[in-house]
Amino acid sequence: MRVIGIDFGMKRIGLALSDATGLLASPWQTVQGGAPLAAAARVAQLVSELGAEDDGLAAIVVGLPRRLDGSDNDQTPIVRVFAAELARVTSLPVVLQDERLSSHEAESRLALRERDWRKRKAKLDAVAAAIILQDYLDLLKDTEYRTQNTEDEGR
């Protein structure tokens, strides 16, 4: 099953998708941002279109903005409203994933391949969403690996 990753912004929302195995995240597209409830409705429409595919969607991962010390910032409550609305309208599990420094990492990665900042800016949000999603997938994979090893040691 696939997972969608979201980097929410008031101007733009970056979207990323995992592969069918749930191991690899890739940037998908950028859509218009805006108020959390309206933005959630737009993203929910895309999610419903993806759900019609054979491998469907298992979950939604939304990047949760935080300060470097881990405390909430002014965007955190807005993203929580967006995530809650997405959960309500899609009936899919929504996971909040720490997104600290994801945009900075996305910019660094894009700068290696693209010199023109205008072209980088157009791709930035979707790449940030892929970084958020990949962090979640890696954490999930690591947790499953540790659980499996703990069960093997108990036998």
C-alpha atoms as a PDB file:
ATOM      1  CA  MET A   1       0.000   0.000   0.000  1.00  0.00           C
ATOM      2  CA  ARG A   2       1.120   3.532  -0.726  1.00  0.00           C
ATOM      3  CA  VAL A   3       1.486   6.492   1.606  1.00  0.00           C
ATOM      4  CA  ILE A   4       1.170  10.173   0.704  1.00  0.00           C
ATOM      5  CA  GLY A   5       3.400  12.801   2.320  1.00  0.00           C
ATOM      6  CA  ILE A   6       2.379  16.425   2.710  1.00  0.00           C
ATOM      7  CA  ASP A   7       4.365  19.598   3.365  1.00  0.00           C
ATOM      8  CA  PHE A   8       1.616  22.099   4.210  1.00  0.00           C
ATOM      9  CA  GLY A   9       2.070  25.784   3.490  1.00  0.00           C
ATOM     10  CA  MET A  10      -0.307  28.699   3.245  1.00  0.00           C
ATOM     11  CA  LYS A  11       0.942  29.473  -0.289  1.00  0.00           C
ATOM     12  CA  ARG A  12       1.846  25.990  -1.566  1.00  0.00           C
ATOM     13  CA  ILE A  13       1.405  22.402  -0.455  1.00  0.00           C
ATOM     14  CA  GLY A  14       4.036  19.889  -1.484  1.00  0.00           C
ATOM     15  CA  LEU A  15       2.939  16.324  -2.090  1.00  0.00           C
ATOM     16  CA  ALA A  16       4.982  13.140  -2.273  1.00  0.00           C
ATOM     17  CA  LEU A  17       4.067   9.489  -2.799  1.00  0.00           C
ATOM     18  CA  SER A  18       5.661   6.281  -1.676  1.00  0.00           C
ATOM     19  CA  ASP A  19       6.090   3.360  -4.009  1.00  0.00           C
ATOM     20  CA  ALA A  20       3.668   0.434  -3.686  1.00  0.00           C
ATOM     21  CA  THR A  21       5.995  -1.318  -1.219  1.00  0.00           C
ATOM     22  CA  GLY A  22       6.047   1.685   1.118  1.00  0.00           C
ATOM     23  CA  LEU A  23       9.838   1.882   1.078  1.00  0.00           C
ATOM     24  CA  LEU A  24      10.704   4.810  -1.186  1.00  0.00           C
ATOM     25  CA  ALA A  25       9.267   8.342  -1.280  1.00  0.00           C
ATOM     26  CA  SER A  26       9.278  10.503  -4.400  1.00  0.00           C
ATOM     27  CA  PRO A  27       8.167  14.099  -4.984  1.00  0.00           C
ATOM     28  CA  TRP A  28       4.804  14.141  -6.729  1.00  0.00           C
ATOM     29  CA  GLN A  29       3.358  17.621  -7.191  1.00  0.00           C
ATOM     30  CA  THR A  30       2.668  21.010  -5.661  1.00  0.00           C
ATOM     31  CA  VAL A  31      -0.842  22.379  -5.194  1.00  0.00           C
ATOM     32  CA  GLN A  32      -2.230  25.702  -4.022  1.00  0.00           C
ATOM     33  CA  GLY A  33      -2.177  26.197  -0.258  1.00  0.00           C
ATOM     34  CA  GLY A  34      -4.532  28.429   1.664  1.00  0.00           C
ATOM     35  CA  ALA A  35      -6.722  28.203   4.727  1.00  0.00           C
ATOM     36  CA  PRO A  36      -6.458  24.756   6.354  1.00  0.00           C
ATOM     37  CA  LEU A  37     -10.058  23.609   5.768  1.00  0.00           C
ATOM     38  CA  ALA A  38     -10.150  24.627   2.101  1.00  0.00           C
ATOM     39  CA  ALA A  39      -6.671  23.201   1.504  1.00  0.00           C
ATOM     40  CA  ALA A  40      -7.690  19.921   3.134  1.00  0.00           C
ATOM     41  CA  ALA A  41     -10.655  19.680   0.759  1.00  0.00           C
ATOM     42  CA  ARG A  42      -8.365  20.170  -2.272  1.00  0.00           C
ATOM     43  CA  VAL A  43      -5.882  17.565  -1.048  1.00  0.00           C
ATOM     44  CA  ALA A  44      -8.710  15.168  -0.136  1.00  0.00           C
ATOM     45  CA  GLN A  45      -9.883  15.289  -3.758  1.00  0.00           C
ATOM     46  CA  LEU A  46      -6.434  14.178  -4.942  1.00  0.00           C
ATOM     47  CA  VAL A  47      -6.328  11.507  -2.239  1.00  0.00           C
ATOM     48  CA  SER A  48      -9.697  10.125  -3.377  1.00  0.00           C
ATOM     49  CA  GLU A  49      -8.397   9.903  -6.948  1.00  0.00           C
ATOM     50  CA  LEU A  50      -5.342   7.991  -5.723  1.00  0.00           C
ATOM     51  CA  GLY A  51      -7.514   5.699  -3.621  1.00  0.00           C
ATOM     52  CA  ALA A  52      -9.190   4.456  -6.797  1.00  0.00           C
ATOM     53  CA  GLU A  53      -5.923   2.858  -7.965  1.00  0.00           C
ATOM     54  CA  ASP A  54      -5.246  -0.829  -7.349  1.00  0.00           C
ATOM     55  CA  ASP A  55      -2.612  -0.231  -4.676  1.00  0.00           C
ATOM     56  CA  GLY A  56      -4.612   2.569  -2.983  1.00  0.00           C
ATOM     57  CA  LEU A  57      -3.448   4.615  -0.025  1.00  0.00           C
ATOM     58  CA  ALA A  58      -2.833   3.280   3.467  1.00  0.00           C
ATOM     59  CA  ALA A  59      -2.062   6.544   5.281  1.00  0.00           C
ATOM     60  CA  ILE A  60      -1.339  10.254   5.036  1.00  0.00           C
ATOM     61  CA  VAL A  61       1.806  11.741   6.591  1.00  0.00           C
ATOM     62  CA  VAL A  62       1.685  15.467   7.297  1.00  0.00           C
ATOM     63  CA  GLY A  63       4.823  17.390   8.204  1.00  0.00           C
ATOM     64  CA  LEU A  64       4.475  19.030  11.610  1.00  0.00           C
ATOM     65  CA  PRO A  65       6.424  22.295  11.865  1.00  0.00           C
ATOM     66  CA  ARG A  66       8.356  22.788  15.066  1.00  0.00           C
ATOM     67  CA  ARG A  67      11.117  25.020  16.368  1.00  0.00           C
ATOM     68  CA  LEU A  68      14.593  23.530  16.543  1.00  0.00           C
ATOM     69  CA  ASP A  69      14.112  22.917  20.281  1.00  0.00           C
ATOM     70  CA  GLY A  70      11.009  20.829  19.510  1.00  0.00           C
ATOM     71  CA  SER A  71       8.425  23.315  20.745  1.00  0.00           C
ATOM     72  CA  ASP A  72       5.437  24.416  18.672  1.00  0.00           C
ATOM     73  CA  ASN A  73       5.730  27.458  16.420  1.00  0.00           C
ATOM     74  CA  ASP A  74       2.995  29.696  14.981  1.00  0.00           C
ATOM     75  CA  GLN A  75       2.325  27.259  12.092  1.00  0.00           C
ATOM     76  CA  THR A  76       1.920  24.151  14.278  1.00  0.00           C
ATOM     77  CA  PRO A  77      -1.751  24.739  15.266  1.00  0.00           C
ATOM     78  CA  ILE A  78      -2.673  25.526  11.645  1.00  0.00           C
ATOM     79  CA  VAL A  79      -1.133  22.259  10.453  1.00  0.00           C
ATOM     80  CA  ARG A  80      -2.929  20.353  13.226  1.00  0.00           C
ATOM     81  CA  VAL A  81      -6.269  21.768  11.989  1.00  0.00           C
ATOM     82  CA  PHE A  82      -5.359  20.808   8.408  1.00  0.00           C
ATOM     83  CA  ALA A  83      -4.412  17.256   9.472  1.00  0.00           C
ATOM     84  CA  ALA A  84      -7.566  16.802  11.554  1.00  0.00           C
ATOM     85  CA  GLU A  85      -9.729  17.938   8.652  1.00  0.00           C
ATOM     86  CA  LEU A  86      -7.899  15.605   6.260  1.00  0.00           C
ATOM     87  CA  ALA A  87      -8.510  12.691   8.623  1.00  0.00           C
ATOM     88  CA  ARG A  88     -12.179  13.613   8.834  1.00  0.00           C
ATOM     89  CA  VAL A  89     -12.810  13.942   5.098  1.00  0.00           C
ATOM     90  CA  THR A  90     -10.678  11.018   3.891  1.00  0.00           C
ATOM     91  CA  SER A  91     -11.218   8.460   6.696  1.00  0.00           C
ATOM     92  CA  LEU A  92      -7.527   7.535   6.342  1.00  0.00           C
ATOM     93  CA  PRO A  93      -5.092   7.509   9.238  1.00  0.00           C
ATOM     94  CA  VAL A  94      -3.163  10.782   9.377  1.00  0.00           C
ATOM     95  CA  VAL A  95       0.268  10.760  10.989  1.00  0.00           C
ATOM     96  CA  LEU A  96       2.049  13.944  12.054  1.00  0.00           C
ATOM     97  CA  GLN A  97       5.778  13.710  11.283  1.00  0.00           C
ATOM     98  CA  ASP A  98       8.398  16.148  12.541  1.00  0.00           C
ATOM     99  CA  GLU A  99       9.474  18.298   9.593  1.00  0.00           C
ATOM    100  CA  ARG A 100      12.268  20.317  11.178  1.00  0.00           C
ATOM    101  CA  LEU A 101      14.837  21.355   8.552  1.00  0.00           C
ATOM    102  CA  SER A 102      13.075  19.474   5.720  1.00  0.00           C
ATOM    103  CA  SER A 103      12.823  22.599   3.536  1.00  0.00           C
ATOM    104  CA  HIS A 104      16.473  23.420   4.183  1.00  0.00           C
ATOM    105  CA  GLU A 105      17.483  19.871   3.207  1.00  0.00           C
ATOM    106  CA  ALA A 106      15.265  20.028   0.115  1.00  0.00           C
ATOM    107  CA  GLU A 107      16.876  23.304  -0.949  1.00  0.00           C
ATOM    108  CA  SER A 108      20.351  21.816  -0.461  1.00  0.00           C
ATOM    109  CA  ARG A 109      19.498  18.754  -2.537  1.00  0.00           C
ATOM    110  CA  LEU A 110      17.952  20.790  -5.333  1.00  0.00           C
ATOM    111  CA  ALA A 111      20.877  23.218  -5.410  1.00  0.00           C
ATOM    112  CA  LEU A 112      23.191  20.345  -6.317  1.00  0.00           C
ATOM    113  CA  ARG A 113      21.295  19.720  -9.564  1.00  0.00           C
ATOM    114  CA  GLU A 114      19.633  23.043 -10.416  1.00  0.00           C
ATOM    115  CA  ARG A 115      21.423  26.396 -10.444  1.00  0.00           C
ATOM    116  CA  ASP A 116      18.353  28.532 -11.208  1.00  0.00           C
ATOM    117  CA  TRP A 117      16.627  29.366  -7.913  1.00  0.00           C
ATOM    118  CA  ARG A 118      13.292  29.958  -9.698  1.00  0.00           C
ATOM    119  CA  LYS A 119      13.256  26.389 -10.964  1.00  0.00           C
ATOM    120  CA  ARG A 120      14.314  25.118  -7.529  1.00  0.00           C
ATOM    121  CA  LYS A 121      11.525  27.062  -5.839  1.00  0.00           C
ATOM    122  CA  ALA A 122       8.910  25.408  -8.073  1.00  0.00           C
ATOM    123  CA  LYS A 123      10.067  21.963  -6.910  1.00  0.00           C
ATOM    124  CA  LEU A 124      10.960  22.777  -3.304  1.00  0.00           C
ATOM    125  CA  ASP A 125       7.679  21.908  -1.564  1.00  0.00           C
ATOM    126  CA  ALA A 126       7.250  18.523  -3.264  1.00  0.00           C
ATOM    127  CA  VAL A 127      10.862  17.607  -2.465  1.00  0.00           C
ATOM    128  CA  ALA A 128      10.347  18.678   1.168  1.00  0.00           C
ATOM    129  CA  ALA A 129       7.229  16.461   1.261  1.00  0.00           C
ATOM    130  CA  ALA A 130       9.317  13.543  -0.058  1.00  0.00           C
ATOM    131  CA  ILE A 131      11.896  14.115   2.694  1.00  0.00           C
ATOM    132  CA  ILE A 132       9.165  14.162   5.358  1.00  0.00           C
ATOM    133  CA  LEU A 133       7.609  11.012   3.918  1.00  0.00           C
ATOM    134  CA  GLN A 134      10.951   9.211   3.612  1.00  0.00           C
ATOM    135  CA  ASP A 135      11.751  10.030   7.255  1.00  0.00           C
ATOM    136  CA  TYR A 136       8.426   8.457   8.236  1.00  0.00           C
ATOM    137  CA  LEU A 137       8.957   5.372   6.049  1.00  0.00           C
ATOM    138  CA  ASP A 138      12.472   4.881   7.428  1.00  0.00           C
ATOM    139  CA  LEU A 139      11.217   5.202  10.990  1.00  0.00           C
ATOM    140  CA  LEU A 140       8.450   2.691  10.272  1.00  0.00           C
ATOM    141  CA  LYS A 141      10.902   0.268   8.674  1.00  0.00           C
ATOM    142  CA  ASP A 142      13.347   0.654  11.588  1.00  0.00           C
ATOM    143  CA  THR A 143      10.574   0.042  14.130  1.00  0.00           C
ATOM    144  CA  GLU A 144       9.439  -3.091  12.276  1.00  0.00           C
ATOM    145  CA  TYR A 145      13.043  -4.332  12.113  1.00  0.00           C
ATOM    146  CA  ARG A 146      13.571  -3.815  15.849  1.00  0.00           C
ATOM    147  CA  THR A 147      10.268  -5.498  16.680  1.00  0.00           C
ATOM    148  CA  GLN A 148      11.186  -8.491  14.514  1.00  0.00           C
ATOM    149  CA  ASN A 149      14.636  -8.818  16.132  1.00  0.00           C
ATOM    150  CA  THR A 150      13.145  -8.588  19.628  1.00  0.00           C
ATOM    151  CA  GLU A 151      10.664 -11.351  18.772  1.00  0.00           C
ATOM    152  CA  ASP A 152      13.489 -13.511  17.328  1.00  0.00           C
ATOM    153  CA  GLU A 153      15.580 -13.088  20.475  1.00  0.00           C
ATOM    154  CA  GLY A 154      12.643 -14.182  22.629  1.00  0.00           C
ATOM    155  CA  ARG A 155      12.359 -17.533  20.862  1.00  0.00           C
END
